[in-house]
Amino acid sequence: MRLTRLFTLAPLFWRISAQDVSVAAVKQAFIDADIPSDLKINFDPSFLLEVILPQSSGHPILVHTGIQLPRNETATPPVFGLFDPFDPANPSINAGQGPFVIAAVDPDAPTPTNTSNAQVRHFLGGDFFPRKLAGSSLSPLLSNTTAALSEWKQPTPTGGNHRYVFLAFNQPVGFNQQQFINATTPIMHFDIATFAQEVGLGNPIAGTFMMVANPDNP
């Protein structure tokens, strides 16, 4: 795993490697995949959310919107980044100083044709801020200063090709005092739209998604 080097070279990595360069294209991909309607959210992003999946060997995988990935490449908790596509050289400043909330949900559980367990909450965490690099400069990579409310759960689709949706929100004042979700709350039957309304998250400011299927029950 080469995360230390990835963090050190983060600004260069983002400018060269990030292929999601248009919020309009991301928004259209969400619409084409029926994500706003299925999650009951207003998705009109202003920024780009990048999700990096570290690998036990080889280079990390950068999640581009709608990418198809095998399950074995999704085991390690993701690294997140947030930037303004119009000024990638100063992403954290343009996207805001934070804090941010990031959520990941599966709206296709147990299968895309039977969503009786949806949504499954695969990650929920707050207090994400731009990571500081050497020389006190800020990178587009985010790091959280408090424990996640729901730690990363590796995708485990039981059947069909599942959408795993990542959303970023501006964190409201008082978020850390919310009582709706904690580390022991069941991850099934989660509703990101209801949660966002209850805690005052507002609409997501960025998002992306990946597809993961069960190879034994596609």
N, C-alpha and C. Protein backbone atom coordinates (compact mmCIF):
# COMPACT_ATOMS: atom_id res chain seq x y z
N MET A 1 0.85 -1.18 0.00
CA MET A 1 0.00 0.00 0.00
C MET A 1 0.89 1.24 0.00
N ARG A 2 0.56 2.24 -0.78
CA ARG A 2 1.41 3.40 -0.92
C ARG A 2 0.67 4.67 -0.54
N LEU A 3 -0.06 4.63 0.59
CA LEU A 3 -0.87 5.77 0.96
C LEU A 3 -0.03 6.96 1.39
N THR A 4 1.12 6.71 2.04
CA THR A 4 1.96 7.81 2.46
C THR A 4 2.38 8.64 1.26
N ARG A 5 2.81 7.96 0.22
CA ARG A 5 3.21 8.67 -0.99
C ARG A 5 2.01 9.31 -1.66
N LEU A 6 0.88 8.63 -1.61
CA LEU A 6 -0.34 9.21 -2.20
C LEU A 6 -0.70 10.50 -1.51
N PHE A 7 -0.64 10.53 -0.16
CA PHE A 7 -0.97 11.75 0.57
C PHE A 7 0.03 12.86 0.25
N THR A 8 1.31 12.51 0.14
CA THR A 8 2.34 13.51 -0.12
C THR A 8 2.15 14.16 -1.47
N LEU A 9 1.75 13.36 -2.45
CA LEU A 9 1.61 13.86 -3.81
C LEU A 9 0.16 14.17 -4.15
N ALA A 10 -0.67 14.36 -3.13
CA ALA A 10 -2.11 14.48 -3.37
C ALA A 10 -2.49 15.53 -4.38
N PRO A 11 -2.00 16.79 -4.28
CA PRO A 11 -2.46 17.78 -5.27
C PRO A 11 -2.12 17.39 -6.69
N LEU A 12 -0.90 16.88 -6.92
CA LEU A 12 -0.51 16.44 -8.25
C LEU A 12 -1.35 15.27 -8.69
N PHE A 13 -1.59 14.32 -7.79
CA PHE A 13 -2.40 13.14 -8.10
C PHE A 13 -3.78 13.55 -8.56
N TRP A 14 -4.37 14.52 -7.85
CA TRP A 14 -5.74 14.93 -8.20
C TRP A 14 -5.79 15.57 -9.58
N ARG A 15 -4.84 16.44 -9.86
CA ARG A 15 -4.90 17.14 -11.15
C ARG A 15 -4.71 16.18 -12.31
N ILE A 16 -3.86 15.15 -12.10
CA ILE A 16 -3.54 14.24 -13.20
C ILE A 16 -4.54 13.10 -13.31
N SER A 17 -4.95 12.53 -12.15
CA SER A 17 -5.65 11.25 -12.17
C SER A 17 -7.16 11.35 -12.08
N ALA A 18 -7.68 12.45 -11.54
CA ALA A 18 -9.12 12.53 -11.35
C ALA A 18 -9.83 12.64 -12.69
N GLN A 19 -10.64 11.65 -13.01
CA GLN A 19 -11.31 11.65 -14.30
C GLN A 19 -12.72 12.23 -14.23
N ASP A 20 -13.28 12.33 -13.00
CA ASP A 20 -14.56 13.02 -12.87
C ASP A 20 -14.26 14.51 -12.84
N VAL A 21 -14.43 15.16 -13.97
CA VAL A 21 -14.05 16.57 -14.08
C VAL A 21 -15.26 17.47 -14.30
N SER A 22 -16.45 16.91 -14.30
CA SER A 22 -17.65 17.70 -14.57
C SER A 22 -18.75 17.32 -13.60
N VAL A 23 -19.21 18.30 -12.81
CA VAL A 23 -20.32 18.01 -11.91
C VAL A 23 -21.59 17.72 -12.70
N ALA A 24 -21.71 18.32 -13.87
CA ALA A 24 -22.88 18.05 -14.71
C ALA A 24 -22.91 16.60 -15.15
N ALA A 25 -21.74 16.05 -15.50
CA ALA A 25 -21.67 14.65 -15.92
C ALA A 25 -21.99 13.72 -14.76
N VAL A 26 -21.49 14.06 -13.57
CA VAL A 26 -21.79 13.24 -12.39
C VAL A 26 -23.28 13.28 -12.09
N LYS A 27 -23.86 14.48 -12.16
CA LYS A 27 -25.30 14.61 -11.91
C LYS A 27 -26.10 13.78 -12.89
N GLN A 28 -25.71 13.81 -14.17
CA GLN A 28 -26.44 13.04 -15.17
C GLN A 28 -26.28 11.54 -14.94
N ALA A 29 -25.10 11.12 -14.51
CA ALA A 29 -24.88 9.70 -14.21
C ALA A 29 -25.78 9.25 -13.06
N PHE A 30 -25.95 10.10 -12.06
CA PHE A 30 -26.85 9.79 -10.95
C PHE A 30 -28.29 9.66 -11.46
N ILE A 31 -28.70 10.58 -12.33
CA ILE A 31 -30.06 10.53 -12.86
C ILE A 31 -30.26 9.27 -13.69
N ASP A 32 -29.28 8.95 -14.54
CA ASP A 32 -29.38 7.77 -15.39
C ASP A 32 -29.48 6.49 -14.56
N ALA A 33 -28.86 6.50 -13.38
CA ALA A 33 -28.88 5.32 -12.50
C ALA A 33 -30.04 5.36 -11.51
N ASP A 34 -30.94 6.35 -11.65
CA ASP A 34 -32.13 6.48 -10.80
C ASP A 34 -31.80 6.69 -9.33
N ILE A 35 -30.63 7.23 -9.05
CA ILE A 35 -30.21 7.38 -7.65
C ILE A 35 -30.99 8.48 -6.92
N PRO A 36 -31.14 9.70 -7.50
CA PRO A 36 -31.90 10.71 -6.75
C PRO A 36 -33.32 10.27 -6.42
N SER A 37 -33.99 9.63 -7.36
CA SER A 37 -35.37 9.20 -7.10
C SER A 37 -35.42 8.07 -6.09
N ASP A 38 -34.49 7.12 -6.18
CA ASP A 38 -34.50 6.00 -5.24
C ASP A 38 -34.10 6.41 -3.83
N LEU A 39 -33.19 7.37 -3.71
CA LEU A 39 -32.78 7.84 -2.38
C LEU A 39 -33.62 9.00 -1.88
N LYS A 40 -34.48 9.51 -2.74
CA LYS A 40 -35.36 10.65 -2.39
C LYS A 40 -34.54 11.88 -2.00
N ILE A 41 -33.50 12.15 -2.79
CA ILE A 41 -32.64 13.30 -2.51
C ILE A 41 -32.68 14.27 -3.69
N ASN A 42 -32.38 15.53 -3.40
CA ASN A 42 -32.17 16.53 -4.44
C ASN A 42 -30.67 16.58 -4.70
N PHE A 43 -30.24 16.03 -5.84
CA PHE A 43 -28.82 15.94 -6.12
C PHE A 43 -28.44 16.96 -7.18
N ASP A 44 -27.88 18.06 -6.73
CA ASP A 44 -27.44 19.13 -7.61
C ASP A 44 -26.06 19.58 -7.12
N PRO A 45 -25.04 18.76 -7.36
CA PRO A 45 -23.73 18.97 -6.71
C PRO A 45 -23.02 20.22 -7.21
N SER A 46 -22.22 20.77 -6.30
CA SER A 46 -21.36 21.91 -6.63
C SER A 46 -19.89 21.51 -6.73
N PHE A 47 -19.54 20.36 -6.14
CA PHE A 47 -18.16 19.91 -6.09
C PHE A 47 -18.07 18.45 -6.51
N LEU A 48 -16.85 17.97 -6.65
CA LEU A 48 -16.59 16.58 -7.02
C LEU A 48 -16.07 15.82 -5.80
N LEU A 49 -16.67 14.69 -5.54
CA LEU A 49 -16.23 13.80 -4.47
C LEU A 49 -15.42 12.67 -5.07
N GLU A 50 -14.19 12.53 -4.62
CA GLU A 50 -13.36 11.42 -5.07
C GLU A 50 -13.25 10.39 -3.95
N VAL A 51 -13.33 9.13 -4.30
CA VAL A 51 -13.22 8.02 -3.37
C VAL A 51 -12.05 7.16 -3.82
N ILE A 52 -11.10 6.95 -2.94
CA ILE A 52 -9.92 6.14 -3.23
C ILE A 52 -9.98 4.88 -2.39
N LEU A 53 -9.86 3.74 -3.03
CA LEU A 53 -9.87 2.45 -2.34
C LEU A 53 -8.44 1.91 -2.27
N PRO A 54 -7.79 1.98 -1.11
CA PRO A 54 -6.45 1.41 -0.97
C PRO A 54 -6.47 -0.09 -1.21
N GLN A 55 -5.38 -0.62 -1.74
CA GLN A 55 -5.26 -2.05 -2.01
C GLN A 55 -4.10 -2.63 -1.19
N SER A 56 -4.24 -3.88 -0.79
CA SER A 56 -3.18 -4.52 -0.02
C SER A 56 -1.91 -4.66 -0.83
N SER A 57 -2.04 -4.73 -2.14
CA SER A 57 -0.88 -4.72 -3.03
C SER A 57 -1.27 -3.96 -4.29
N GLY A 58 -0.31 -3.26 -4.86
CA GLY A 58 -0.59 -2.48 -6.05
C GLY A 58 -1.11 -1.09 -5.72
N HIS A 59 -1.48 -0.37 -6.74
CA HIS A 59 -1.89 1.02 -6.57
C HIS A 59 -3.32 1.11 -6.07
N PRO A 60 -3.64 2.18 -5.32
CA PRO A 60 -5.03 2.41 -4.93
C PRO A 60 -5.92 2.60 -6.15
N ILE A 61 -7.20 2.32 -5.97
CA ILE A 61 -8.17 2.46 -7.06
C ILE A 61 -8.96 3.75 -6.85
N LEU A 62 -8.99 4.57 -7.87
CA LEU A 62 -9.78 5.80 -7.84
C LEU A 62 -11.16 5.49 -8.41
N VAL A 63 -12.19 5.71 -7.61
CA VAL A 63 -13.55 5.42 -8.04
C VAL A 63 -14.05 6.54 -8.94
N HIS A 64 -14.29 6.21 -10.21
CA HIS A 64 -14.94 7.14 -11.11
C HIS A 64 -16.43 6.81 -11.12
N THR A 65 -17.24 7.81 -11.29
CA THR A 65 -18.68 7.63 -11.17
C THR A 65 -19.20 6.50 -12.05
N GLY A 66 -19.84 5.50 -11.41
CA GLY A 66 -20.42 4.38 -12.13
C GLY A 66 -19.46 3.25 -12.42
N ILE A 67 -18.23 3.30 -11.92
CA ILE A 67 -17.24 2.27 -12.20
C ILE A 67 -17.71 0.91 -11.68
N GLN A 68 -17.42 -0.14 -12.43
CA GLN A 68 -17.72 -1.51 -12.00
C GLN A 68 -16.48 -2.08 -11.34
N LEU A 69 -16.62 -2.57 -10.10
CA LEU A 69 -15.47 -3.10 -9.37
C LEU A 69 -15.79 -4.48 -8.82
N PRO A 70 -14.78 -5.37 -8.78
CA PRO A 70 -14.97 -6.64 -8.08
C PRO A 70 -14.96 -6.42 -6.58
N ARG A 71 -15.68 -7.25 -5.86
CA ARG A 71 -15.81 -7.06 -4.42
C ARG A 71 -14.46 -7.07 -3.71
N ASN A 72 -13.53 -7.90 -4.16
CA ASN A 72 -12.26 -8.01 -3.44
C ASN A 72 -11.40 -6.75 -3.51
N GLU A 73 -11.81 -5.79 -4.32
CA GLU A 73 -11.07 -4.52 -4.38
C GLU A 73 -11.72 -3.44 -3.52
N THR A 74 -12.72 -3.82 -2.72
CA THR A 74 -13.46 -2.84 -1.92
C THR A 74 -13.32 -3.08 -0.42
N ALA A 75 -12.35 -3.89 -0.01
CA ALA A 75 -12.27 -4.31 1.39
C ALA A 75 -11.78 -3.21 2.32
N THR A 76 -10.79 -2.45 1.90
CA THR A 76 -10.15 -1.46 2.78
C THR A 76 -10.97 -0.18 2.84
N PRO A 77 -11.09 0.43 4.03
CA PRO A 77 -11.85 1.69 4.13
C PRO A 77 -11.35 2.74 3.15
N PRO A 78 -12.25 3.44 2.50
CA PRO A 78 -11.86 4.42 1.48
C PRO A 78 -11.20 5.66 2.08
N VAL A 79 -10.48 6.35 1.22
CA VAL A 79 -9.97 7.68 1.49
C VAL A 79 -10.79 8.64 0.62
N PHE A 80 -11.17 9.78 1.18
CA PHE A 80 -12.05 10.70 0.48
C PHE A 80 -11.36 12.01 0.14
N GLY A 81 -11.81 12.63 -0.94
CA GLY A 81 -11.33 13.94 -1.34
C GLY A 81 -12.47 14.76 -1.91
N LEU A 82 -12.35 16.07 -1.79
CA LEU A 82 -13.42 16.96 -2.23
C LEU A 82 -12.80 18.19 -2.88
N PHE A 83 -13.23 18.49 -4.10
CA PHE A 83 -12.65 19.66 -4.75
C PHE A 83 -13.60 20.30 -5.75
N ASP A 84 -13.26 21.53 -6.08
CA ASP A 84 -14.01 22.31 -7.05
C ASP A 84 -13.41 22.06 -8.43
N PRO A 85 -14.17 21.55 -9.39
CA PRO A 85 -13.60 21.24 -10.70
C PRO A 85 -13.09 22.45 -11.46
N PHE A 86 -13.55 23.65 -11.05
CA PHE A 86 -13.12 24.85 -11.75
C PHE A 86 -11.80 25.40 -11.22
N ASP A 87 -11.33 24.87 -10.08
CA ASP A 87 -10.06 25.33 -9.53
C ASP A 87 -9.41 24.18 -8.78
N PRO A 88 -8.98 23.12 -9.48
CA PRO A 88 -8.43 21.95 -8.81
C PRO A 88 -7.12 22.22 -8.09
N ALA A 89 -6.44 23.32 -8.39
CA ALA A 89 -5.19 23.62 -7.72
C ALA A 89 -5.42 24.06 -6.28
N ASN A 90 -6.63 24.55 -5.97
CA ASN A 90 -6.96 25.00 -4.62
C ASN A 90 -8.26 24.36 -4.16
N PRO A 91 -8.34 23.03 -4.19
CA PRO A 91 -9.62 22.35 -4.00
C PRO A 91 -10.23 22.55 -2.63
N SER A 92 -9.44 22.40 -1.59
CA SER A 92 -10.02 22.45 -0.26
C SER A 92 -10.54 23.84 0.07
N ILE A 93 -9.85 24.88 -0.43
CA ILE A 93 -10.30 26.24 -0.16
C ILE A 93 -11.63 26.51 -0.85
N ASN A 94 -11.75 26.09 -2.11
CA ASN A 94 -12.96 26.36 -2.86
C ASN A 94 -14.13 25.50 -2.40
N ALA A 95 -13.86 24.30 -1.95
CA ALA A 95 -14.92 23.42 -1.46
C ALA A 95 -15.31 23.78 -0.03
N GLY A 96 -14.54 24.63 0.61
CA GLY A 96 -14.81 25.01 1.99
C GLY A 96 -13.80 24.39 2.93
N GLN A 97 -13.70 24.95 4.09
CA GLN A 97 -12.73 24.49 5.09
C GLN A 97 -13.25 23.31 5.90
N GLY A 98 -14.51 22.93 5.71
CA GLY A 98 -15.10 21.87 6.50
C GLY A 98 -15.71 22.45 7.77
N PRO A 99 -16.28 21.58 8.59
CA PRO A 99 -16.28 20.13 8.45
C PRO A 99 -17.33 19.64 7.45
N PHE A 100 -17.11 18.40 6.99
CA PHE A 100 -18.02 17.74 6.07
C PHE A 100 -18.48 16.41 6.65
N VAL A 101 -19.64 15.97 6.21
CA VAL A 101 -20.17 14.65 6.53
C VAL A 101 -20.16 13.82 5.26
N ILE A 102 -19.74 12.56 5.37
CA ILE A 102 -19.73 11.66 4.22
C ILE A 102 -20.52 10.40 4.58
N ALA A 103 -21.38 10.00 3.66
CA ALA A 103 -22.20 8.81 3.83
C ALA A 103 -22.06 7.90 2.62
N ALA A 104 -22.19 6.60 2.84
CA ALA A 104 -22.21 5.62 1.75
C ALA A 104 -23.35 4.65 2.02
N VAL A 105 -24.21 4.45 1.01
CA VAL A 105 -25.37 3.58 1.18
C VAL A 105 -25.54 2.68 -0.04
N ASP A 106 -26.19 1.54 0.22
CA ASP A 106 -26.58 0.60 -0.84
C ASP A 106 -28.10 0.61 -0.92
N PRO A 107 -28.66 1.14 -2.01
CA PRO A 107 -30.12 1.14 -2.16
C PRO A 107 -30.68 -0.12 -2.80
N ASP A 108 -29.82 -1.13 -3.01
CA ASP A 108 -30.22 -2.32 -3.77
C ASP A 108 -30.20 -3.60 -2.95
N ALA A 109 -30.38 -3.48 -1.64
CA ALA A 109 -30.31 -4.66 -0.77
C ALA A 109 -31.70 -5.22 -0.49
N PRO A 110 -31.85 -6.55 -0.55
CA PRO A 110 -30.80 -7.54 -0.85
C PRO A 110 -30.48 -7.69 -2.34
N THR A 111 -31.42 -7.30 -3.21
CA THR A 111 -31.17 -7.35 -4.65
C THR A 111 -31.79 -6.11 -5.29
N PRO A 112 -31.36 -5.75 -6.48
CA PRO A 112 -31.96 -4.58 -7.14
C PRO A 112 -33.45 -4.71 -7.41
N THR A 113 -33.96 -5.94 -7.47
CA THR A 113 -35.39 -6.14 -7.71
C THR A 113 -36.17 -6.41 -6.43
N ASN A 114 -35.48 -6.52 -5.32
CA ASN A 114 -36.10 -6.70 -4.02
C ASN A 114 -35.32 -5.87 -3.01
N THR A 115 -35.77 -4.65 -2.78
CA THR A 115 -35.01 -3.72 -1.94
C THR A 115 -35.58 -3.63 -0.52
N SER A 116 -36.03 -4.75 -0.02
CA SER A 116 -36.70 -4.77 1.28
C SER A 116 -35.77 -4.45 2.45
N ASN A 117 -34.47 -4.59 2.26
CA ASN A 117 -33.52 -4.27 3.33
C ASN A 117 -32.87 -2.90 3.14
N ALA A 118 -33.17 -2.25 2.04
CA ALA A 118 -32.52 -0.97 1.74
C ALA A 118 -33.10 0.14 2.63
N GLN A 119 -32.28 1.16 2.80
CA GLN A 119 -30.89 1.26 2.37
C GLN A 119 -29.98 0.61 3.42
N VAL A 120 -28.88 0.05 2.96
CA VAL A 120 -27.86 -0.42 3.89
C VAL A 120 -26.80 0.67 4.01
N ARG A 121 -26.50 1.02 5.24
CA ARG A 121 -25.52 2.08 5.52
C ARG A 121 -24.12 1.46 5.58
N HIS A 122 -23.28 1.83 4.61
CA HIS A 122 -21.93 1.27 4.56
C HIS A 122 -20.88 2.17 5.17
N PHE A 123 -21.22 3.44 5.32
CA PHE A 123 -20.32 4.36 6.03
C PHE A 123 -21.10 5.62 6.38
N LEU A 124 -20.78 6.18 7.54
CA LEU A 124 -21.32 7.48 7.92
C LEU A 124 -20.35 8.11 8.90
N GLY A 125 -19.80 9.25 8.52
CA GLY A 125 -18.85 9.92 9.39
C GLY A 125 -18.86 11.42 9.21
N GLY A 126 -18.55 12.13 10.27
CA GLY A 126 -18.48 13.57 10.22
C GLY A 126 -17.11 14.08 10.61
N ASP A 127 -17.01 15.40 10.73
CA ASP A 127 -15.75 16.07 11.10
C ASP A 127 -14.64 15.79 10.10
N PHE A 128 -14.98 15.77 8.82
CA PHE A 128 -13.96 15.66 7.77
C PHE A 128 -13.46 17.05 7.41
N PHE A 129 -12.14 17.19 7.41
CA PHE A 129 -11.49 18.45 7.07
C PHE A 129 -10.42 18.19 6.01
N PRO A 130 -10.05 19.22 5.23
CA PRO A 130 -8.93 19.06 4.30
C PRO A 130 -7.65 18.68 5.04
N ARG A 131 -6.93 17.72 4.49
CA ARG A 131 -5.71 17.24 5.12
C ARG A 131 -4.58 18.25 4.90
N LYS A 132 -3.83 18.51 5.96
CA LYS A 132 -2.69 19.41 5.85
C LYS A 132 -1.45 18.64 5.41
N LEU A 133 -0.75 19.21 4.46
CA LEU A 133 0.49 18.63 3.97
C LEU A 133 1.67 19.39 4.55
N ALA A 134 2.87 18.94 4.21
CA ALA A 134 4.08 19.62 4.66
C ALA A 134 4.05 21.07 4.21
N GLY A 135 4.47 21.98 5.08
CA GLY A 135 4.46 23.39 4.75
C GLY A 135 3.12 24.05 5.04
N SER A 136 2.24 23.32 5.75
CA SER A 136 0.93 23.83 6.15
C SER A 136 -0.03 24.06 4.99
N SER A 137 0.30 23.53 3.80
CA SER A 137 -0.63 23.63 2.69
C SER A 137 -1.74 22.60 2.85
N LEU A 138 -2.86 22.86 2.19
CA LEU A 138 -4.01 21.96 2.27
C LEU A 138 -4.12 21.14 1.00
N SER A 139 -4.52 19.89 1.16
CA SER A 139 -4.71 19.02 0.00
C SER A 139 -6.20 18.78 -0.18
N PRO A 140 -6.58 18.21 -1.33
CA PRO A 140 -7.99 17.86 -1.52
C PRO A 140 -8.40 16.63 -0.72
N LEU A 141 -7.43 15.87 -0.20
CA LEU A 141 -7.77 14.72 0.61
C LEU A 141 -8.35 15.17 1.94
N LEU A 142 -9.33 14.40 2.43
CA LEU A 142 -9.99 14.72 3.69
C LEU A 142 -9.57 13.73 4.76
N SER A 143 -9.55 14.18 5.98
CA SER A 143 -9.35 13.28 7.12
C SER A 143 -10.34 13.67 8.20
N ASN A 144 -10.84 12.67 8.93
CA ASN A 144 -11.81 12.95 9.97
C ASN A 144 -11.13 13.00 11.33
N THR A 145 -11.59 13.92 12.16
CA THR A 145 -10.98 14.14 13.46
C THR A 145 -11.73 13.43 14.58
N THR A 146 -12.84 12.78 14.27
CA THR A 146 -13.58 11.98 15.25
C THR A 146 -13.91 10.63 14.61
N ALA A 147 -14.23 9.66 15.47
CA ALA A 147 -14.57 8.33 14.97
C ALA A 147 -15.84 8.39 14.14
N ALA A 148 -15.91 7.55 13.12
CA ALA A 148 -17.10 7.48 12.29
C ALA A 148 -18.29 6.95 13.09
N LEU A 149 -19.48 7.42 12.74
CA LEU A 149 -20.69 6.89 13.35
C LEU A 149 -20.93 5.45 12.90
N SER A 150 -20.64 5.18 11.63
CA SER A 150 -20.68 3.82 11.09
C SER A 150 -19.40 3.60 10.31
N GLU A 151 -18.56 2.70 10.79
CA GLU A 151 -17.31 2.42 10.10
C GLU A 151 -17.60 1.70 8.78
N TRP A 152 -16.62 1.70 7.89
CA TRP A 152 -16.77 1.12 6.56
C TRP A 152 -17.16 -0.34 6.62
N LYS A 153 -18.20 -0.68 5.90
CA LYS A 153 -18.64 -2.07 5.72
C LYS A 153 -18.41 -2.45 4.26
N GLN A 154 -17.60 -3.45 4.04
CA GLN A 154 -17.30 -3.85 2.66
C GLN A 154 -18.57 -4.28 1.94
N PRO A 155 -18.75 -3.86 0.69
CA PRO A 155 -19.90 -4.32 -0.09
C PRO A 155 -19.97 -5.84 -0.14
N THR A 156 -21.17 -6.36 0.11
CA THR A 156 -21.41 -7.81 0.07
C THR A 156 -22.74 -8.05 -0.60
N PRO A 157 -22.82 -7.80 -1.90
CA PRO A 157 -24.11 -7.96 -2.59
C PRO A 157 -24.54 -9.43 -2.62
N THR A 158 -25.78 -9.69 -2.23
CA THR A 158 -26.26 -11.08 -2.24
C THR A 158 -26.68 -11.52 -3.63
N GLY A 159 -27.08 -10.58 -4.46
CA GLY A 159 -27.47 -10.91 -5.82
C GLY A 159 -27.64 -9.66 -6.65
N GLY A 160 -27.35 -9.76 -7.93
CA GLY A 160 -27.48 -8.62 -8.82
C GLY A 160 -26.32 -7.65 -8.70
N ASN A 161 -26.42 -6.58 -9.46
CA ASN A 161 -25.38 -5.56 -9.51
C ASN A 161 -25.85 -4.37 -8.67
N HIS A 162 -25.16 -4.10 -7.57
CA HIS A 162 -25.60 -3.09 -6.61
C HIS A 162 -24.91 -1.75 -6.85
N ARG A 163 -25.65 -0.68 -6.59
CA ARG A 163 -25.11 0.67 -6.59
C ARG A 163 -24.66 1.01 -5.16
N TYR A 164 -23.42 1.43 -5.03
CA TYR A 164 -22.91 1.88 -3.74
C TYR A 164 -22.64 3.38 -3.88
N VAL A 165 -23.47 4.16 -3.18
CA VAL A 165 -23.54 5.60 -3.41
C VAL A 165 -22.84 6.34 -2.27
N PHE A 166 -21.92 7.23 -2.65
CA PHE A 166 -21.20 8.06 -1.69
C PHE A 166 -21.71 9.50 -1.83
N LEU A 167 -22.01 10.14 -0.70
CA LEU A 167 -22.51 11.51 -0.71
C LEU A 167 -21.74 12.34 0.32
N ALA A 168 -21.45 13.59 -0.04
CA ALA A 168 -20.81 14.53 0.87
C ALA A 168 -21.75 15.68 1.18
N PHE A 169 -21.76 16.10 2.44
CA PHE A 169 -22.62 17.19 2.90
C PHE A 169 -21.78 18.19 3.71
N ASN A 170 -22.22 19.43 3.73
CA ASN A 170 -21.69 20.36 4.71
C ASN A 170 -22.22 19.95 6.09
N GLN A 171 -21.33 19.92 7.07
CA GLN A 171 -21.75 19.50 8.40
C GLN A 171 -22.35 20.66 9.18
N PRO A 172 -23.57 20.49 9.67
CA PRO A 172 -24.21 21.57 10.41
C PRO A 172 -23.70 21.65 11.86
N VAL A 173 -23.87 22.80 12.46
CA VAL A 173 -23.55 22.96 13.87
C VAL A 173 -24.44 22.02 14.69
N GLY A 174 -23.85 21.35 15.65
CA GLY A 174 -24.61 20.45 16.50
C GLY A 174 -24.71 19.03 15.98
N PHE A 175 -24.06 18.75 14.84
CA PHE A 175 -24.17 17.40 14.26
C PHE A 175 -23.68 16.33 15.23
N ASN A 176 -22.62 16.62 15.97
CA ASN A 176 -22.05 15.61 16.87
C ASN A 176 -22.95 15.30 18.06
N GLN A 177 -23.99 16.08 18.23
CA GLN A 177 -24.94 15.81 19.31
C GLN A 177 -26.17 15.04 18.83
N GLN A 178 -26.21 14.69 17.53
CA GLN A 178 -27.39 13.97 17.02
C GLN A 178 -27.53 12.61 17.71
N GLN A 179 -28.76 12.16 17.86
CA GLN A 179 -29.06 10.92 18.58
C GLN A 179 -29.69 9.85 17.68
N PHE A 180 -29.68 10.07 16.39
CA PHE A 180 -30.38 9.15 15.49
C PHE A 180 -29.55 7.92 15.13
N ILE A 181 -28.22 8.11 14.97
CA ILE A 181 -27.35 7.03 14.55
C ILE A 181 -26.13 6.98 15.47
N ASN A 182 -25.77 5.75 15.87
CA ASN A 182 -24.51 5.55 16.58
C ASN A 182 -23.90 4.23 16.12
N ALA A 183 -22.81 3.83 16.75
CA ALA A 183 -22.07 2.65 16.28
C ALA A 183 -22.86 1.36 16.40
N THR A 184 -23.92 1.33 17.21
CA THR A 184 -24.69 0.10 17.39
C THR A 184 -26.02 0.11 16.64
N THR A 185 -26.34 1.20 15.96
CA THR A 185 -27.60 1.27 15.21
C THR A 185 -27.54 0.31 14.03
N PRO A 186 -28.58 -0.49 13.80
CA PRO A 186 -28.57 -1.40 12.65
C PRO A 186 -28.32 -0.65 11.35
N ILE A 187 -27.54 -1.27 10.47
CA ILE A 187 -27.18 -0.60 9.23
C ILE A 187 -28.25 -0.77 8.14
N MET A 188 -29.14 -1.75 8.32
CA MET A 188 -30.20 -1.94 7.34
C MET A 188 -31.37 -0.99 7.60
N HIS A 189 -32.16 -0.77 6.56
CA HIS A 189 -33.35 0.09 6.62
C HIS A 189 -33.00 1.53 6.99
N PHE A 190 -31.84 1.96 6.55
CA PHE A 190 -31.42 3.34 6.74
C PHE A 190 -32.06 4.19 5.65
N ASP A 191 -32.29 5.46 5.95
CA ASP A 191 -32.87 6.38 4.97
C ASP A 191 -32.06 7.67 5.01
N ILE A 192 -31.20 7.86 4.03
CA ILE A 192 -30.30 9.01 4.04
C ILE A 192 -31.06 10.32 3.94
N ALA A 193 -32.17 10.33 3.19
CA ALA A 193 -32.94 11.57 3.04
C ALA A 193 -33.58 11.97 4.37
N THR A 194 -34.14 10.99 5.07
CA THR A 194 -34.75 11.27 6.38
C THR A 194 -33.69 11.70 7.38
N PHE A 195 -32.58 11.01 7.39
CA PHE A 195 -31.49 11.37 8.31
C PHE A 195 -31.00 12.79 8.04
N ALA A 196 -30.80 13.11 6.76
CA ALA A 196 -30.33 14.45 6.40
C ALA A 196 -31.31 15.52 6.88
N GLN A 197 -32.59 15.24 6.75
CA GLN A 197 -33.59 16.21 7.18
C GLN A 197 -33.58 16.36 8.70
N GLU A 198 -33.49 15.24 9.41
CA GLU A 198 -33.55 15.26 10.86
C GLU A 198 -32.38 16.01 11.49
N VAL A 199 -31.20 15.89 10.90
CA VAL A 199 -30.01 16.50 11.51
C VAL A 199 -29.60 17.79 10.82
N GLY A 200 -30.33 18.20 9.77
CA GLY A 200 -30.05 19.47 9.12
C GLY A 200 -28.87 19.46 8.16
N LEU A 201 -28.66 18.34 7.48
CA LEU A 201 -27.54 18.27 6.53
C LEU A 201 -27.78 19.09 5.27
N GLY A 202 -29.03 19.27 4.92
CA GLY A 202 -29.33 19.91 3.64
C GLY A 202 -29.10 18.94 2.50
N ASN A 203 -28.95 19.47 1.30
CA ASN A 203 -28.72 18.62 0.12
C ASN A 203 -27.24 18.28 0.00
N PRO A 204 -26.92 17.13 -0.59
CA PRO A 204 -25.51 16.79 -0.78
C PRO A 204 -24.82 17.79 -1.70
N ILE A 205 -23.56 18.08 -1.39
CA ILE A 205 -22.79 19.01 -2.20
C ILE A 205 -21.94 18.29 -3.23
N ALA A 206 -21.81 16.96 -3.10
CA ALA A 206 -21.01 16.16 -4.04
C ALA A 206 -21.38 14.71 -3.86
N GLY A 207 -21.03 13.90 -4.85
CA GLY A 207 -21.31 12.48 -4.74
C GLY A 207 -20.67 11.69 -5.87
N THR A 208 -20.63 10.39 -5.68
CA THR A 208 -20.17 9.47 -6.71
C THR A 208 -20.75 8.10 -6.37
N PHE A 209 -20.60 7.14 -7.26
CA PHE A 209 -21.06 5.79 -6.94
C PHE A 209 -20.26 4.76 -7.73
N MET A 210 -20.25 3.55 -7.19
CA MET A 210 -19.61 2.43 -7.86
C MET A 210 -20.59 1.28 -7.92
N MET A 211 -20.33 0.35 -8.82
CA MET A 211 -21.16 -0.84 -8.99
C MET A 211 -20.36 -2.06 -8.55
N VAL A 212 -21.00 -2.91 -7.73
CA VAL A 212 -20.36 -4.15 -7.29
C VAL A 212 -21.39 -5.26 -7.38
N ALA A 213 -21.03 -6.35 -8.02
CA ALA A 213 -21.95 -7.47 -8.20
C ALA A 213 -21.44 -8.71 -7.47
N ASN A 214 -22.35 -9.63 -7.22
CA ASN A 214 -21.99 -10.93 -6.67
C ASN A 214 -21.65 -11.86 -7.84
N PRO A 215 -20.40 -12.29 -7.97
CA PRO A 215 -20.04 -13.10 -9.13
C PRO A 215 -20.72 -14.46 -9.15
N ASP A 216 -21.17 -14.92 -7.96
CA ASP A 216 -21.85 -16.21 -7.89
C ASP A 216 -23.36 -16.11 -8.10
N ASN A 217 -23.87 -14.88 -8.09
CA ASN A 217 -25.30 -14.67 -8.30
C ASN A 217 -25.50 -13.33 -8.98
N PRO A 218 -25.04 -13.19 -10.22
CA PRO A 218 -25.07 -11.88 -10.91
C PRO A 218 -26.49 -11.43 -11.23
